[in-house]
Amino acid sequence: MPSLQVRDLPEQIFLRLRRDAEKEHRSFSQQAIVVLSRGLGIDLNPQQRRRELIEKIVSERLSFDTSSLPAPETLIRQDRQR
């Protein structure tokens, strides 16, 4: 995940973020992400994100061809011989 470093952050903004983070039981970074996403009009609903991730995992799992994979016993045997 990308990161962001902000230099010369005005003290008023820093103090407000810190206060709001404590009030909302979030880390400073989490609070900054929430504020930025709201300001940019981006919805970061965690339930929706989890639902989309689960749907993606399920769809990829169903399309994954397991017939070309070796048997687990073969993999274990090869690993023990290393």
PDB file of N, CA and C in Angstrom:
ATOM      1  N   MET A   1       0.847  -1.166   0.000  1.00  0.00           N
ATOM      2  CA  MET A   1       0.000   0.000   0.000  1.00  0.00           C
ATOM      3  C   MET A   1       0.895   1.232   0.000  1.00  0.00           C
ATOM      4  N   PRO A   2       0.566   2.206  -0.822  1.00  0.00           N
ATOM      5  CA  PRO A   2       1.357   3.426  -0.865  1.00  0.00           C
ATOM      6  C   PRO A   2       1.311   4.172   0.461  1.00  0.00           C
ATOM      7  N   SER A   3       2.316   4.993   0.685  1.00  0.00           N
ATOM      8  CA  SER A   3       2.335   5.800   1.897  1.00  0.00           C
ATOM      9  C   SER A   3       2.506   7.263   1.514  1.00  0.00           C
ATOM     10  N   LEU A   4       2.243   8.123   2.478  1.00  0.00           N
ATOM     11  CA  LEU A   4       2.316   9.563   2.252  1.00  0.00           C
ATOM     12  C   LEU A   4       2.995  10.203   3.448  1.00  0.00           C
ATOM     13  N   GLN A   5       3.953  11.059   3.170  1.00  0.00           N
ATOM     14  CA  GLN A   5       4.611  11.805   4.237  1.00  0.00           C
ATOM     15  C   GLN A   5       4.324  13.278   3.988  1.00  0.00           C
ATOM     16  N   VAL A   6       3.835  13.958   5.001  1.00  0.00           N
ATOM     17  CA  VAL A   6       3.502  15.376   4.870  1.00  0.00           C
ATOM     18  C   VAL A   6       4.490  16.178   5.706  1.00  0.00           C
ATOM     19  N   ARG A   7       5.173  17.096   5.082  1.00  0.00           N
ATOM     20  CA  ARG A   7       6.132  17.951   5.785  1.00  0.00           C
ATOM     21  C   ARG A   7       5.484  19.296   6.085  1.00  0.00           C
ATOM     22  N   ASP A   8       5.937  19.914   7.125  1.00  0.00           N
ATOM     23  CA  ASP A   8       5.470  21.248   7.510  1.00  0.00           C
ATOM     24  C   ASP A   8       3.955  21.311   7.689  1.00  0.00           C
ATOM     25  N   LEU A   9       3.418  20.306   8.351  1.00  0.00           N
ATOM     26  CA  LEU A   9       1.985  20.269   8.641  1.00  0.00           C
ATOM     27  C   LEU A   9       1.683  21.347   9.681  1.00  0.00           C
ATOM     28  N   PRO A  10       0.737  22.224   9.399  1.00  0.00           N
ATOM     29  CA  PRO A  10       0.413  23.252  10.381  1.00  0.00           C
ATOM     30  C   PRO A  10      -0.020  22.643  11.715  1.00  0.00           C
ATOM     31  N   GLU A  11       0.404  23.265  12.786  1.00  0.00           N
ATOM     32  CA  GLU A  11       0.143  22.716  14.120  1.00  0.00           C
ATOM     33  C   GLU A  11      -1.347  22.570  14.392  1.00  0.00           C
ATOM     34  N   GLN A  12      -2.162  23.506  13.916  1.00  0.00           N
ATOM     35  CA  GLN A  12      -3.609  23.409  14.139  1.00  0.00           C
ATOM     36  C   GLN A  12      -4.180  22.138  13.535  1.00  0.00           C
ATOM     37  N   ILE A  13      -3.727  21.804  12.347  1.00  0.00           N
ATOM     38  CA  ILE A  13      -4.205  20.587  11.685  1.00  0.00           C
ATOM     39  C   ILE A  13      -3.733  19.362  12.453  1.00  0.00           C
ATOM     40  N   PHE A  14      -2.461  19.360  12.840  1.00  0.00           N
ATOM     41  CA  PHE A  14      -1.916  18.234  13.593  1.00  0.00           C
ATOM     42  C   PHE A  14      -2.700  18.004  14.883  1.00  0.00           C
ATOM     43  N   LEU A  15      -2.915  19.084  15.636  1.00  0.00           N
ATOM     44  CA  LEU A  15      -3.623  18.955  16.918  1.00  0.00           C
ATOM     45  C   LEU A  15      -5.062  18.489  16.717  1.00  0.00           C
ATOM     46  N   ARG A  16      -5.708  19.004  15.682  1.00  0.00           N
ATOM     47  CA  ARG A  16      -7.099  18.599  15.405  1.00  0.00           C
ATOM     48  C   ARG A  16      -7.163  17.132  15.015  1.00  0.00           C
ATOM     49  N   LEU A  17      -6.253  16.683  14.153  1.00  0.00           N
ATOM     50  CA  LEU A  17      -6.223  15.268  13.760  1.00  0.00           C
ATOM     51  C   LEU A  17      -5.971  14.372  14.967  1.00  0.00           C
ATOM     52  N   ARG A  18      -5.026  14.769  15.796  1.00  0.00           N
ATOM     53  CA  ARG A  18      -4.707  13.969  16.979  1.00  0.00           C
ATOM     54  C   ARG A  18      -5.897  13.898  17.928  1.00  0.00           C
ATOM     55  N   ARG A  19      -6.545  15.031  18.157  1.00  0.00           N
ATOM     56  CA  ARG A  19      -7.709  15.064  19.047  1.00  0.00           C
ATOM     57  C   ARG A  19      -8.851  14.207  18.493  1.00  0.00           C
ATOM     58  N   ASP A  20      -9.131  14.353  17.199  1.00  0.00           N
ATOM     59  CA  ASP A  20     -10.205  13.582  16.589  1.00  0.00           C
ATOM     60  C   ASP A  20      -9.881  12.086  16.569  1.00  0.00           C
ATOM     61  N   ALA A  21      -8.611  11.747  16.370  1.00  0.00           N
ATOM     62  CA  ALA A  21      -8.206  10.337  16.379  1.00  0.00           C
ATOM     63  C   ALA A  21      -8.456   9.726  17.749  1.00  0.00           C
ATOM     64  N   GLU A  22      -8.096  10.432  18.786  1.00  0.00           N
ATOM     65  CA  GLU A  22      -8.333   9.924  20.147  1.00  0.00           C
ATOM     66  C   GLU A  22      -9.830   9.787  20.411  1.00  0.00           C
ATOM     67  N   LYS A  23     -10.582  10.772  19.979  1.00  0.00           N
ATOM     68  CA  LYS A  23     -12.034  10.762  20.182  1.00  0.00           C
ATOM     69  C   LYS A  23     -12.702   9.577  19.464  1.00  0.00           C
ATOM     70  N   GLU A  24     -12.207   9.256  18.263  1.00  0.00           N
ATOM     71  CA  GLU A  24     -12.786   8.178  17.452  1.00  0.00           C
ATOM     72  C   GLU A  24     -12.096   6.828  17.675  1.00  0.00           C
ATOM     73  N   HIS A  25     -11.137   6.786  18.607  1.00  0.00           N
ATOM     74  CA  HIS A  25     -10.385   5.555  18.911  1.00  0.00           C
ATOM     75  C   HIS A  25      -9.677   5.021  17.663  1.00  0.00           C
ATOM     76  N   ARG A  26      -9.023   5.929  16.963  1.00  0.00           N
ATOM     77  CA  ARG A  26      -8.256   5.571  15.777  1.00  0.00           C
ATOM     78  C   ARG A  26      -6.815   6.008  15.980  1.00  0.00           C
ATOM     79  N   SER A  27      -5.939   5.427  15.172  1.00  0.00           N
ATOM     80  CA  SER A  27      -4.562   5.922  15.162  1.00  0.00           C
ATOM     81  C   SER A  27      -4.539   7.243  14.394  1.00  0.00           C
ATOM     82  N   PHE A  28      -3.447   7.965  14.542  1.00  0.00           N
ATOM     83  CA  PHE A  28      -3.295   9.232  13.829  1.00  0.00           C
ATOM     84  C   PHE A  28      -3.395   8.996  12.322  1.00  0.00           C
ATOM     85  N   SER A  29      -2.723   7.954  11.841  1.00  0.00           N
ATOM     86  CA  SER A  29      -2.737   7.636  10.409  1.00  0.00           C
ATOM     87  C   SER A  29      -4.137   7.276   9.927  1.00  0.00           C
ATOM     88  N   GLN A  30      -4.841   6.463  10.700  1.00  0.00           N
ATOM     89  CA  GLN A  30      -6.203   6.099  10.318  1.00  0.00           C
ATOM     90  C   GLN A  30      -7.094   7.332  10.227  1.00  0.00           C
ATOM     91  N   GLN A  31      -6.957   8.233  11.177  1.00  0.00           N
ATOM     92  CA  GLN A  31      -7.769   9.445  11.165  1.00  0.00           C
ATOM     93  C   GLN A  31      -7.431  10.313   9.958  1.00  0.00           C
ATOM     94  N   ALA A  32      -6.163  10.422   9.625  1.00  0.00           N
ATOM     95  CA  ALA A  32      -5.762  11.205   8.456  1.00  0.00           C
ATOM     96  C   ALA A  32      -6.360  10.614   7.185  1.00  0.00           C
ATOM     97  N   ILE A  33      -6.387   9.288   7.076  1.00  0.00           N
ATOM     98  CA  ILE A  33      -6.966   8.630   5.910  1.00  0.00           C
ATOM     99  C   ILE A  33      -8.464   8.905   5.830  1.00  0.00           C
ATOM    100  N   VAL A  34      -9.146   8.837   6.958  1.00  0.00           N
ATOM    101  CA  VAL A  34     -10.584   9.109   6.986  1.00  0.00           C
ATOM    102  C   VAL A  34     -10.858  10.537   6.529  1.00  0.00           C
ATOM    103  N   VAL A  35     -10.106  11.485   7.056  1.00  0.00           N
ATOM    104  CA  VAL A  35     -10.315  12.896   6.712  1.00  0.00           C
ATOM    105  C   VAL A  35     -10.011  13.136   5.230  1.00  0.00           C
ATOM    106  N   LEU A  36      -8.911  12.570   4.740  1.00  0.00           N
ATOM    107  CA  LEU A  36      -8.583  12.726   3.325  1.00  0.00           C
ATOM    108  C   LEU A  36      -9.648  12.107   2.423  1.00  0.00           C
ATOM    109  N   SER A  37     -10.112  10.925   2.764  1.00  0.00           N
ATOM    110  CA  SER A  37     -11.119  10.265   1.924  1.00  0.00           C
ATOM    111  C   SER A  37     -12.424  11.051   1.912  1.00  0.00           C
ATOM    112  N   ARG A  38     -12.820  11.579   3.056  1.00  0.00           N
ATOM    113  CA  ARG A  38     -14.034  12.404   3.091  1.00  0.00           C
ATOM    114  C   ARG A  38     -13.858  13.658   2.255  1.00  0.00           C
ATOM    115  N   GLY A  39     -12.705  14.281   2.371  1.00  0.00           N
ATOM    116  CA  GLY A  39     -12.440  15.500   1.611  1.00  0.00           C
ATOM    117  C   GLY A  39     -12.405  15.264   0.116  1.00  0.00           C
ATOM    118  N   LEU A  40     -11.984  14.074  -0.292  1.00  0.00           N
ATOM    119  CA  LEU A  40     -11.925  13.727  -1.714  1.00  0.00           C
ATOM    120  C   LEU A  40     -13.200  13.080  -2.215  1.00  0.00           C
ATOM    121  N   GLY A  41     -14.153  12.857  -1.309  1.00  0.00           N
ATOM    122  CA  GLY A  41     -15.421  12.247  -1.702  1.00  0.00           C
ATOM    123  C   GLY A  41     -15.305  10.774  -2.016  1.00  0.00           C
ATOM    124  N   ILE A  42     -14.373  10.102  -1.372  1.00  0.00           N
ATOM    125  CA  ILE A  42     -14.164   8.671  -1.598  1.00  0.00           C
ATOM    126  C   ILE A  42     -14.779   7.899  -0.437  1.00  0.00           C
ATOM    127  N   ASP A  43     -15.599   6.909  -0.763  1.00  0.00           N
ATOM    128  CA  ASP A  43     -16.258   6.113   0.263  1.00  0.00           C
ATOM    129  C   ASP A  43     -15.344   4.968   0.668  1.00  0.00           C
ATOM    130  N   LEU A  44     -14.977   4.924   1.936  1.00  0.00           N
ATOM    131  CA  LEU A  44     -14.125   3.852   2.450  1.00  0.00           C
ATOM    132  C   LEU A  44     -14.889   2.964   3.419  1.00  0.00           C
ATOM    133  N   ASN A  45     -16.131   2.664   3.099  1.00  0.00           N
ATOM    134  CA  ASN A  45     -16.956   1.825   3.955  1.00  0.00           C
ATOM    135  C   ASN A  45     -16.281   0.459   4.118  1.00  0.00           C
ATOM    136  N   PRO A  46     -15.829   0.125   5.318  1.00  0.00           N
ATOM    137  CA  PRO A  46     -15.093  -1.136   5.505  1.00  0.00           C
ATOM    138  C   PRO A  46     -15.931  -2.369   5.194  1.00  0.00           C
ATOM    139  N   GLN A  47     -17.212  -2.322   5.467  1.00  0.00           N
ATOM    140  CA  GLN A  47     -18.057  -3.482   5.176  1.00  0.00           C
ATOM    141  C   GLN A  47     -18.151  -3.712   3.675  1.00  0.00           C
ATOM    142  N   GLN A  48     -18.302  -2.635   2.921  1.00  0.00           N
ATOM    143  CA  GLN A  48     -18.366  -2.763   1.463  1.00  0.00           C
ATOM    144  C   GLN A  48     -17.032  -3.253   0.905  1.00  0.00           C
ATOM    145  N   ARG A  49     -15.918  -2.729   1.423  1.00  0.00           N
ATOM    146  CA  ARG A  49     -14.603  -3.184   0.963  1.00  0.00           C
ATOM    147  C   ARG A  49     -14.418  -4.667   1.237  1.00  0.00           C
ATOM    148  N   ARG A  50     -14.815  -5.131   2.444  1.00  0.00           N
ATOM    149  CA  ARG A  50     -14.684  -6.553   2.767  1.00  0.00           C
ATOM    150  C   ARG A  50     -15.552  -7.403   1.853  1.00  0.00           C
ATOM    151  N   ARG A  51     -16.769  -6.944   1.605  1.00  0.00           N
ATOM    152  CA  ARG A  51     -17.679  -7.686   0.736  1.00  0.00           C
ATOM    153  C   ARG A  51     -17.079  -7.824  -0.666  1.00  0.00           C
ATOM    154  N   GLU A  52     -16.534  -6.739  -1.202  1.00  0.00           N
ATOM    155  CA  GLU A  52     -15.916  -6.780  -2.527  1.00  0.00           C
ATOM    156  C   GLU A  52     -14.704  -7.693  -2.550  1.00  0.00           C
ATOM    157  N   LEU A  53     -13.904  -7.675  -1.487  1.00  0.00           N
ATOM    158  CA  LEU A  53     -12.731  -8.542  -1.416  1.00  0.00           C
ATOM    159  C   LEU A  53     -13.139 -10.012  -1.372  1.00  0.00           C
ATOM    160  N   ILE A  54     -14.136 -10.328  -0.585  1.00  0.00           N
ATOM    161  CA  ILE A  54     -14.617 -11.715  -0.490  1.00  0.00           C
ATOM    162  C   ILE A  54     -15.146 -12.171  -1.845  1.00  0.00           C
ATOM    163  N   GLU A  55     -15.903 -11.320  -2.513  1.00  0.00           N
ATOM    164  CA  GLU A  55     -16.419 -11.678  -3.840  1.00  0.00           C
ATOM    165  C   GLU A  55     -15.282 -11.936  -4.819  1.00  0.00           C
ATOM    166  N   LYS A  56     -14.244 -11.112  -4.740  1.00  0.00           N
ATOM    167  CA  LYS A  56     -13.090 -11.297  -5.617  1.00  0.00           C
ATOM    168  C   LYS A  56     -12.386 -12.616  -5.323  1.00  0.00           C
ATOM    169  N   ILE A  57     -12.193 -12.932  -4.050  1.00  0.00           N
ATOM    170  CA  ILE A  57     -11.530 -14.180  -3.665  1.00  0.00           C
ATOM    171  C   ILE A  57     -12.346 -15.378  -4.134  1.00  0.00           C
ATOM    172  N   VAL A  58     -13.640 -15.328  -3.911  1.00  0.00           N
ATOM    173  CA  VAL A  58     -14.507 -16.440  -4.310  1.00  0.00           C
ATOM    174  C   VAL A  58     -14.482 -16.621  -5.826  1.00  0.00           C
ATOM    175  N   SER A  59     -14.565 -15.541  -6.581  1.00  0.00           N
ATOM    176  CA  SER A  59     -14.575 -15.666  -8.039  1.00  0.00           C
ATOM    177  C   SER A  59     -13.245 -16.200  -8.556  1.00  0.00           C
ATOM    178  N   GLU A  60     -12.132 -15.782  -7.965  1.00  0.00           N
ATOM    179  CA  GLU A  60     -10.831 -16.286  -8.394  1.00  0.00           C
ATOM    180  C   GLU A  60     -10.637 -17.742  -7.997  1.00  0.00           C
ATOM    181  N   ARG A  61     -11.143 -18.105  -6.831  1.00  0.00           N
ATOM    182  CA  ARG A  61     -10.998 -19.475  -6.376  1.00  0.00           C
ATOM    183  C   ARG A  61     -11.784 -20.423  -7.275  1.00  0.00           C
ATOM    184  N   LEU A  62     -12.966 -20.012  -7.692  1.00  0.00           N
ATOM    185  CA  LEU A  62     -13.784 -20.860  -8.536  1.00  0.00           C
ATOM    186  C   LEU A  62     -13.186 -21.026  -9.931  1.00  0.00           C
ATOM    187  N   SER A  63     -12.442 -20.052 -10.393  1.00  0.00           N
ATOM    188  CA  SER A  63     -11.859 -20.137 -11.725  1.00  0.00           C
ATOM    189  C   SER A  63     -10.457 -20.751 -11.696  1.00  0.00           C
ATOM    190  N   PHE A  64      -9.945 -21.123 -10.527  1.00  0.00           N
ATOM    191  CA  PHE A  64      -8.606 -21.666 -10.398  1.00  0.00           C
ATOM    192  C   PHE A  64      -8.627 -23.155 -10.709  1.00  0.00           C
ATOM    193  N   ASP A  65      -7.777 -23.582 -11.632  1.00  0.00           N
ATOM    194  CA  ASP A  65      -7.717 -24.987 -12.047  1.00  0.00           C
ATOM    195  C   ASP A  65      -6.728 -25.744 -11.154  1.00  0.00           C
ATOM    196  N   THR A  66      -7.224 -26.634 -10.327  1.00  0.00           N
ATOM    197  CA  THR A  66      -6.373 -27.388  -9.402  1.00  0.00           C
ATOM    198  C   THR A  66      -5.878 -28.696  -9.995  1.00  0.00           C
ATOM    199  N   SER A  67      -6.331 -29.057 -11.171  1.00  0.00           N
ATOM    200  CA  SER A  67      -5.924 -30.346 -11.743  1.00  0.00           C
ATOM    201  C   SER A  67      -4.448 -30.381 -12.101  1.00  0.00           C
ATOM    202  N   SER A  68      -3.838 -29.244 -12.333  1.00  0.00           N
ATOM    203  CA  SER A  68      -2.423 -29.228 -12.713  1.00  0.00           C
ATOM    204  C   SER A  68      -1.482 -29.197 -11.505  1.00  0.00           C
ATOM    205  N   LEU A  69      -2.024 -29.121 -10.308  1.00  0.00           N
ATOM    206  CA  LEU A  69      -1.199 -29.078  -9.108  1.00  0.00           C
ATOM    207  C   LEU A  69      -0.777 -30.487  -8.689  1.00  0.00           C
ATOM    208  N   PRO A  70       0.450 -30.634  -8.185  1.00  0.00           N
ATOM    209  CA  PRO A  70       0.867 -31.956  -7.694  1.00  0.00           C
ATOM    210  C   PRO A  70       0.134 -32.295  -6.394  1.00  0.00           C
ATOM    211  N   ALA A  71       0.099 -33.571  -6.083  1.00  0.00           N
ATOM    212  CA  ALA A  71      -0.546 -34.029  -4.862  1.00  0.00           C
ATOM    213  C   ALA A  71       0.217 -33.488  -3.653  1.00  0.00           C
ATOM    214  N   PRO A  72      -0.458 -33.220  -2.544  1.00  0.00           N
ATOM    215  CA  PRO A  72       0.222 -32.709  -1.346  1.00  0.00           C
ATOM    216  C   PRO A  72       1.346 -33.614  -0.881  1.00  0.00           C
ATOM    217  N   GLU A  73       1.161 -34.931  -0.996  1.00  0.00           N
ATOM    218  CA  GLU A  73       2.194 -35.865  -0.549  1.00  0.00           C
ATOM    219  C   GLU A  73       3.478 -35.671  -1.347  1.00  0.00           C
ATOM    220  N   THR A  74       3.330 -35.408  -2.629  1.00  0.00           N
ATOM    221  CA  THR A  74       4.493 -35.188  -3.485  1.00  0.00           C
ATOM    222  C   THR A  74       5.247 -33.938  -3.053  1.00  0.00           C
ATOM    223  N   LEU A  75       4.515 -32.875  -2.764  1.00  0.00           N
ATOM    224  CA  LEU A  75       5.140 -31.637  -2.323  1.00  0.00           C
ATOM    225  C   LEU A  75       5.870 -31.823  -0.988  1.00  0.00           C
ATOM    226  N   ILE A  76       5.259 -32.548  -0.078  1.00  0.00           N
ATOM    227  CA  ILE A  76       5.882 -32.798   1.234  1.00  0.00           C
ATOM    228  C   ILE A  76       7.152 -33.621   1.052  1.00  0.00           C
ATOM    229  N   ARG A  77       7.079 -34.654   0.237  1.00  0.00           N
ATOM    230  CA  ARG A  77       8.236 -35.507  -0.013  1.00  0.00           C
ATOM    231  C   ARG A  77       9.385 -34.699  -0.621  1.00  0.00           C
ATOM    232  N   GLN A  78       9.066 -33.850  -1.607  1.00  0.00           N
ATOM    233  CA  GLN A  78      10.096 -33.040  -2.236  1.00  0.00           C
ATOM    234  C   GLN A  78      10.701 -32.071  -1.224  1.00  0.00           C
ATOM    235  N   ASP A  79       9.886 -31.515  -0.362  1.00  0.00           N
ATOM    236  CA  ASP A  79      10.391 -30.575   0.623  1.00  0.00           C
ATOM    237  C   ASP A  79      11.316 -31.271   1.622  1.00  0.00           C
ATOM    238  N   ARG A  80      10.979 -32.478   2.017  1.00  0.00           N
ATOM    239  CA  ARG A  80      11.807 -33.221   2.975  1.00  0.00           C
ATOM    240  C   ARG A  80      13.134 -33.637   2.371  1.00  0.00           C
ATOM    241  N   GLN A  81      13.171 -33.806   1.064  1.00  0.00           N
ATOM    242  CA  GLN A  81      14.401 -34.229   0.401  1.00  0.00           C
ATOM    243  C   GLN A  81      15.372 -33.078   0.157  1.00  0.00           C
ATOM    244  N   ARG A  82      14.926 -31.858   0.382  1.00  0.00           N
ATOM    245  CA  ARG A  82      15.806 -30.700   0.171  1.00  0.00           C
ATOM    246  C   ARG A  82      16.838 -30.605   1.246  1.00  0.00           C
TER     247      ARG A  82
END
